[in-house]
Protein backbone atom coordinates (compact mmCIF):
# COMPACT_ATOMS: atom_id res chain seq x y z
CA UNK A 1 7.82 -4.58 32.21
CA UNK A 2 4.29 -5.84 32.72
CA UNK A 3 1.32 -3.79 31.58
CA UNK A 4 -0.94 -2.22 34.22
CA UNK A 5 -4.14 -4.18 34.73
CA UNK A 6 -7.21 -2.17 33.85
CA UNK A 7 -10.16 -2.02 36.20
CA UNK A 8 -12.95 -4.30 34.96
CA UNK A 9 -15.12 -1.29 34.10
CA UNK A 10 -12.44 -0.10 31.67
CA UNK A 11 -11.51 -3.41 30.07
CA UNK A 12 -14.87 -4.79 29.08
CA UNK A 13 -14.25 -3.97 25.46
CA UNK A 14 -17.52 -2.20 24.73
CA UNK A 15 -17.68 -0.71 21.25
CA UNK A 16 -17.90 2.80 22.64
CA UNK A 17 -14.95 2.45 25.05
CA UNK A 18 -11.38 2.68 23.82
CA UNK A 19 -8.45 1.72 26.00
CA UNK A 20 -7.65 4.68 28.26
CA UNK A 21 -4.32 6.33 28.96
CA UNK A 22 -2.88 6.05 32.46
CA UNK A 23 -1.06 8.60 34.60
CA UNK A 24 0.63 7.96 37.93
CA UNK A 25 0.30 11.32 39.64
CA UNK A 26 3.73 12.92 40.16
CA UNK A 27 5.00 14.55 43.35
CA UNK A 28 3.53 18.00 43.94
CA UNK A 29 1.57 20.31 46.21
CA UNK A 30 -1.81 20.15 44.46
CA UNK A 31 -5.02 19.90 46.45
CA UNK A 32 -7.02 17.86 43.94
CA UNK A 33 -6.50 15.40 41.10
CA UNK A 34 -8.02 18.03 38.83
CA UNK A 35 -5.36 20.57 39.83
CA UNK A 36 -2.63 18.02 39.07
CA UNK A 37 -4.07 17.16 35.66
CA UNK A 38 -4.30 20.83 34.71
CA UNK A 39 -0.65 21.38 35.67
CA UNK A 40 0.58 18.19 34.00
CA UNK A 41 -1.27 18.89 30.72
CA UNK A 42 -1.06 22.69 30.37
CA UNK A 43 -2.44 22.67 26.81
CA UNK A 44 -5.75 21.17 27.94
CA UNK A 45 -8.03 23.85 29.45
CA UNK A 46 -9.42 23.30 32.94
CA UNK A 47 -12.94 23.53 31.50
CA UNK A 48 -12.17 20.57 29.23
CA UNK A 49 -11.01 18.46 32.17
CA UNK A 50 -14.17 19.43 34.06
CA UNK A 51 -16.25 18.34 31.07
CA UNK A 52 -14.46 14.97 30.90
CA UNK A 53 -14.91 14.48 34.65
CA UNK A 54 -18.62 15.26 34.34
CA UNK A 55 -18.90 12.53 31.68
CA UNK A 56 -16.95 9.99 33.82
CA UNK A 57 -14.02 10.06 31.38
CA UNK A 58 -11.48 10.31 34.23
CA UNK A 59 -11.40 7.39 36.66
CA UNK A 60 -9.32 6.00 39.51
CA UNK A 61 -7.51 2.65 39.77
CA UNK A 62 -10.77 0.90 40.70
CA UNK A 63 -12.57 2.27 37.67
CA UNK A 64 -14.61 4.73 39.73
CA UNK A 65 -15.17 8.22 38.28
CA UNK A 66 -13.35 10.99 40.09
CA UNK A 67 -14.97 14.36 40.70
CA UNK A 68 -13.60 17.88 40.78
CA UNK A 69 -12.85 17.60 44.50
CA UNK A 70 -11.12 14.20 44.55
CA UNK A 71 -8.00 14.75 46.70
CA UNK A 72 -4.56 14.61 45.10
CA UNK A 73 -2.25 11.80 46.21
CA UNK A 74 1.23 11.18 44.87
CA UNK A 75 1.42 7.96 42.84
CA UNK A 76 -2.35 7.64 42.47
CA UNK A 77 -3.17 5.81 39.21
CA UNK A 78 -5.61 7.82 37.11
CA UNK A 79 -7.15 6.61 33.86
CA UNK A 80 -8.32 9.15 31.31
CA UNK A 81 -9.64 9.01 27.77
CA UNK A 82 -7.89 11.18 25.21
CA UNK A 83 -10.23 13.34 23.16
CA UNK A 84 -9.76 15.73 20.26
CA UNK A 85 -12.55 18.13 19.43
CA UNK A 86 -13.53 18.17 15.74
CA UNK A 87 -10.98 15.51 14.79
CA UNK A 88 -10.39 15.50 11.03
CA UNK A 89 -11.53 12.24 9.41
CA UNK A 90 -8.88 10.37 7.42
CA UNK A 91 -10.53 9.13 4.20
CA UNK A 92 -8.60 5.87 3.89
CA UNK A 93 -9.44 2.46 5.33
CA UNK A 94 -7.15 -0.17 6.74
CA UNK A 95 -7.41 -3.75 5.44
CA UNK A 96 -7.43 -6.68 7.85
CA UNK A 97 -5.28 -9.38 6.24
CA UNK A 98 -5.36 -11.91 9.07
CA UNK A 99 -7.01 -12.33 12.47
CA UNK A 100 -7.14 -15.09 15.06
CA UNK A 101 -7.39 -15.24 18.85
CA UNK A 102 -3.78 -14.05 19.27
CA UNK A 103 -2.81 -11.90 16.29
CA UNK A 104 -4.22 -9.35 13.86
CA UNK A 105 -2.33 -8.27 10.75
CA UNK A 106 -3.40 -4.98 9.18
CA UNK A 107 -2.48 -3.27 5.91
CA UNK A 108 -2.32 0.39 6.97
CA UNK A 109 -2.90 3.18 4.44
CA UNK A 110 -0.75 6.27 4.21
CA UNK A 111 -1.61 9.17 6.58
CA UNK A 112 -3.38 7.00 9.18
CA UNK A 113 -1.54 6.79 12.56
CA UNK A 114 -1.11 3.47 14.30
CA UNK A 115 -1.59 4.89 17.82
CA UNK A 116 -3.38 7.94 19.26
CA UNK A 117 -1.02 10.93 19.36
CA UNK A 118 -1.29 14.67 18.98
CA UNK A 119 -4.50 15.56 17.16
CA UNK A 120 -5.33 11.93 16.31
CA UNK A 121 -7.38 9.76 18.67
CA UNK A 122 -10.34 8.15 16.92
CA UNK A 123 -8.70 8.33 13.48
CA UNK A 124 -6.02 5.72 14.24
CA UNK A 125 -5.63 2.05 13.37
CA UNK A 126 -5.77 1.09 17.04
CA UNK A 127 -9.03 2.93 17.74
CA UNK A 128 -10.67 1.60 14.60
CA UNK A 129 -9.67 -1.98 15.41
CA UNK A 130 -10.83 -1.71 19.01
CA UNK A 131 -14.25 -0.68 17.75
CA UNK A 132 -14.33 -3.26 14.96
CA UNK A 133 -13.43 -6.19 17.22
CA UNK A 134 -15.20 -4.81 20.31
CA UNK A 135 -11.92 -5.27 22.21
CA UNK A 136 -10.20 -2.46 24.09
CA UNK A 137 -7.22 -4.71 24.94
CA UNK A 138 -5.76 -4.75 21.41
CA UNK A 139 -2.16 -3.50 21.34
CA UNK A 140 0.25 -2.91 18.43
CA UNK A 141 3.36 -5.11 18.56
CA UNK A 142 5.35 -2.50 16.63
CA UNK A 143 4.71 0.79 14.86
CA UNK A 144 5.31 2.46 11.55
CA UNK A 145 5.13 6.19 10.87
CA UNK A 146 1.82 7.83 10.06
CA UNK A 147 3.12 8.70 6.59
CA UNK A 148 4.32 5.13 5.91
CA UNK A 149 1.88 2.53 4.59
CA UNK A 150 1.89 -1.22 5.03
CA UNK A 151 1.90 -4.07 7.51
CA UNK A 152 1.32 -3.69 11.25
CA UNK A 153 0.87 -6.55 13.74
CA UNK A 154 -1.47 -6.28 16.73
CA UNK A 155 -1.66 -8.50 19.80
CA UNK A 156 -5.16 -9.66 20.71
CA UNK A 157 -4.47 -11.73 23.81
CA UNK A 158 -2.61 -10.32 26.82
CA UNK A 159 -1.58 -13.85 27.86
CA UNK A 160 0.44 -14.45 24.68
CA UNK A 161 1.53 -10.87 23.99
CA UNK A 162 5.05 -11.16 25.39
CA UNK A 163 5.87 -14.10 23.09
CA UNK A 164 5.07 -12.03 20.01
CA UNK A 165 6.82 -8.94 21.38
CA UNK A 166 9.98 -11.05 21.79
CA UNK A 167 10.09 -11.59 18.01
CA UNK A 168 10.88 -7.91 17.55
CA UNK A 169 13.09 -7.51 20.62
CA UNK A 170 15.20 -10.54 19.68
CA UNK A 171 15.23 -9.70 15.94
CA UNK A 172 13.52 -12.96 15.01
CA UNK A 173 11.25 -11.33 12.46
CA UNK A 174 12.19 -10.51 8.86
CA UNK A 175 10.97 -7.16 7.57
CA UNK A 176 11.18 -5.75 4.07
CA UNK A 177 10.07 -2.32 2.89
CA UNK A 178 9.70 -0.82 -0.56
CA UNK A 179 10.50 2.77 -1.45
CA UNK A 180 10.44 4.95 -4.55
CA UNK A 181 13.44 7.28 -4.66
CA UNK A 182 15.85 8.88 -7.15
CA UNK A 183 18.15 6.57 -9.10
CA UNK A 184 21.61 5.83 -7.73
CA UNK A 185 23.54 4.57 -10.77
CA UNK A 186 26.86 5.32 -9.05
CA UNK A 187 26.21 2.74 -6.31
CA UNK A 188 26.70 -1.01 -6.40
CA UNK A 189 23.80 -3.07 -5.09
CA UNK A 190 22.99 -4.70 -2.82
CA UNK A 191 24.68 -2.45 -0.27
CA UNK A 192 24.71 -2.08 3.48
CA UNK A 193 24.29 1.31 5.16
CA UNK A 194 25.65 1.00 8.69
CA UNK A 195 25.82 4.28 10.64
CA UNK A 196 25.09 5.87 14.00
CA UNK A 197 21.72 7.61 14.34
CA UNK A 198 20.88 10.07 17.12
CA UNK A 199 18.15 12.63 17.73
CA UNK A 200 18.61 15.78 15.66
CA UNK A 201 17.02 19.21 15.39
CA UNK A 202 14.11 19.60 15.78
CA UNK A 203 13.77 16.74 18.26
CA UNK A 204 11.54 14.64 15.98
CA UNK A 205 14.21 14.32 13.27
CA UNK A 206 17.15 11.91 13.33
CA UNK A 207 20.66 12.44 12.02
CA UNK A 208 23.79 10.45 11.22
CA UNK A 209 26.84 11.19 13.38
CA UNK A 210 30.31 9.77 13.85
CA UNK A 211 30.63 6.90 16.30
CA UNK A 212 29.77 3.26 16.78
CA UNK A 213 27.05 2.26 14.28
CA UNK A 214 23.65 1.46 15.74
CA UNK A 215 21.52 1.37 12.57
CA UNK A 216 22.00 -1.01 9.64
CA UNK A 217 19.93 -1.30 6.45
CA UNK A 218 20.34 -3.65 3.51
CA UNK A 219 19.39 -1.83 0.29
CA UNK A 220 18.73 -3.40 -3.10
CA UNK A 221 17.03 -2.35 -6.33
CA UNK A 222 13.80 -4.06 -7.27
CA UNK A 223 12.87 -2.07 -10.38
CA UNK A 224 14.66 0.52 -12.53
CA UNK A 225 12.72 3.51 -13.82
CA UNK A 226 14.03 6.42 -15.86
CA UNK A 227 14.71 8.84 -12.99
CA UNK A 228 13.36 6.89 -10.01
CA UNK A 229 13.94 3.35 -8.84
CA UNK A 230 11.97 0.96 -6.66
CA UNK A 231 14.16 -0.06 -3.74
CA UNK A 232 13.92 -3.00 -1.35
CA UNK A 233 14.94 -1.90 2.15
CA UNK A 234 15.60 -4.46 4.89
CA UNK A 235 16.25 -2.88 8.30
CA UNK A 236 18.50 -5.05 10.43
CA UNK A 237 18.09 -2.67 13.36
CA UNK A 238 14.99 -0.65 14.18
CA UNK A 239 15.91 2.97 14.80
CA UNK A 240 13.41 5.80 14.34
CA UNK A 241 13.27 7.04 10.71
CA UNK A 242 16.20 4.73 9.89
CA UNK A 243 15.18 4.00 6.29
CA UNK A 244 14.39 7.62 5.51
CA UNK A 245 17.69 8.88 6.92
CA UNK A 246 19.77 6.21 5.20
CA UNK A 247 18.23 6.82 1.79
CA UNK A 248 18.60 10.60 2.10
CA UNK A 249 22.24 10.19 3.15
CA UNK A 250 22.91 8.19 -0.02
CA UNK A 251 21.53 11.07 -2.09
CA UNK A 252 18.20 9.43 -2.82
CA UNK A 253 15.60 10.79 -0.38
CA UNK A 254 12.33 8.87 -0.50
CA UNK A 255 9.79 10.67 -2.67
CA UNK A 256 7.52 13.15 -0.86
CA UNK A 257 9.46 12.94 2.42
CA UNK A 258 8.69 16.13 4.41
CA UNK A 259 11.55 15.57 6.90
CA UNK A 260 14.60 14.39 4.96
CA UNK A 261 17.02 15.53 3.73
CA UNK A 262 15.62 18.87 4.96
CA UNK A 263 12.58 19.81 7.02
CA UNK A 264 9.79 21.18 4.83
CA UNK A 265 7.41 23.93 6.02
CA UNK A 266 4.36 22.53 7.76
CA UNK A 267 1.31 22.07 5.55
CA UNK A 268 -1.89 20.08 5.66
CA UNK A 269 -1.73 16.53 4.33
CA UNK A 270 -1.67 16.35 0.56
CA UNK A 271 -3.31 13.01 -0.13
CA UNK A 272 -2.07 13.12 -3.72
CA UNK A 273 1.56 13.05 -2.51
CA UNK A 274 2.04 10.22 0.00
CA UNK A 275 5.47 9.28 1.26
CA UNK A 276 6.60 6.54 -1.12
CA UNK A 277 7.52 4.11 1.65
CA UNK A 278 5.72 0.81 2.24
CA UNK A 279 6.14 -1.90 4.89
CA UNK A 280 5.80 -4.63 2.28
CA UNK A 281 6.60 -7.96 3.96
CA UNK A 282 6.82 -9.61 7.38
CA UNK A 283 7.83 -13.22 8.04
CA UNK A 284 8.57 -15.17 11.21
CA UNK A 285 8.07 -18.48 12.96
CA UNK A 286 4.99 -18.30 15.14
CA UNK A 287 6.10 -18.52 18.79
CA UNK A 288 2.98 -20.52 19.72
CA UNK A 289 2.63 -23.03 16.89
CA UNK A 290 6.17 -22.98 15.53
CA UNK A 291 4.75 -22.67 12.02
CA UNK A 292 6.05 -20.25 9.41
CA UNK A 293 4.10 -17.01 8.99
CA UNK A 294 4.43 -14.81 5.92
CA UNK A 295 2.44 -11.66 5.17
CA UNK A 296 2.64 -9.23 2.26
CA UNK A 297 0.99 -5.84 1.82
CA UNK A 298 -1.57 -5.50 -0.97
CA UNK A 299 -0.70 -1.81 -1.41
CA UNK A 300 1.30 -0.87 -4.50
CA UNK A 301 3.66 2.12 -4.76
CA UNK A 302 3.54 3.87 -8.12
CA UNK A 303 6.34 5.78 -9.80
């Protein structure tokens, strides 16, 4: 599926303009675009939408600001900029390991999201990179969890984006993670964990169930400690939370995991206790040059 083309006023890449979100207005009986937005996003007060509209932060498909009386029309493309009042700063910086006209490779710290979501908009890798490179067209080629640290690839150039995306879709990229977790002396390594993962309860957790496997991980031991080992995890598939679920199912949940094997009560981030999971290595043949690419995270997990 091709990406929607942004109006020129939204894609200029100014340092103060991040790439907006887009909504195609659904079918309904609303009189105005404002009424539709309020119904579609019930957690955002009408006064907040009015404030965004007054600051030209809601625009139509031509990049023209809408006003409070702009008529509703089913299917109308509306661009809006996500905002979070009093967003909490994340006191860790990403490291740019590589950048050219097509690709950026970033070493992401723990706790920093890749993409805007929930209460995070400005404090994300994407938003920071868009400001740093003065380019609102940057797009992540894949994602890792907010609590996971390590390598993330970003596409710079829309014209070559699909060729890099195909590396992940066609499994032509080698990925290796590291994790610190309890020792498993009863297991023989390397081993393959090949199970079926589906959405669990609550919806944001995954679980193993009977059925045709759809998630496979190669697990080896990189370093033996007294009670905890350093594991090398190579996901052959790419299911949500796959590594975390597989390690927990083996009886060795990754250290400081708030979701597995059981959901922990919500609490504010404890920066002293990061999830001990790191996207350590990525390697692939560059689809443009054909040359070998190899990147390794500079972050180290400690026992």
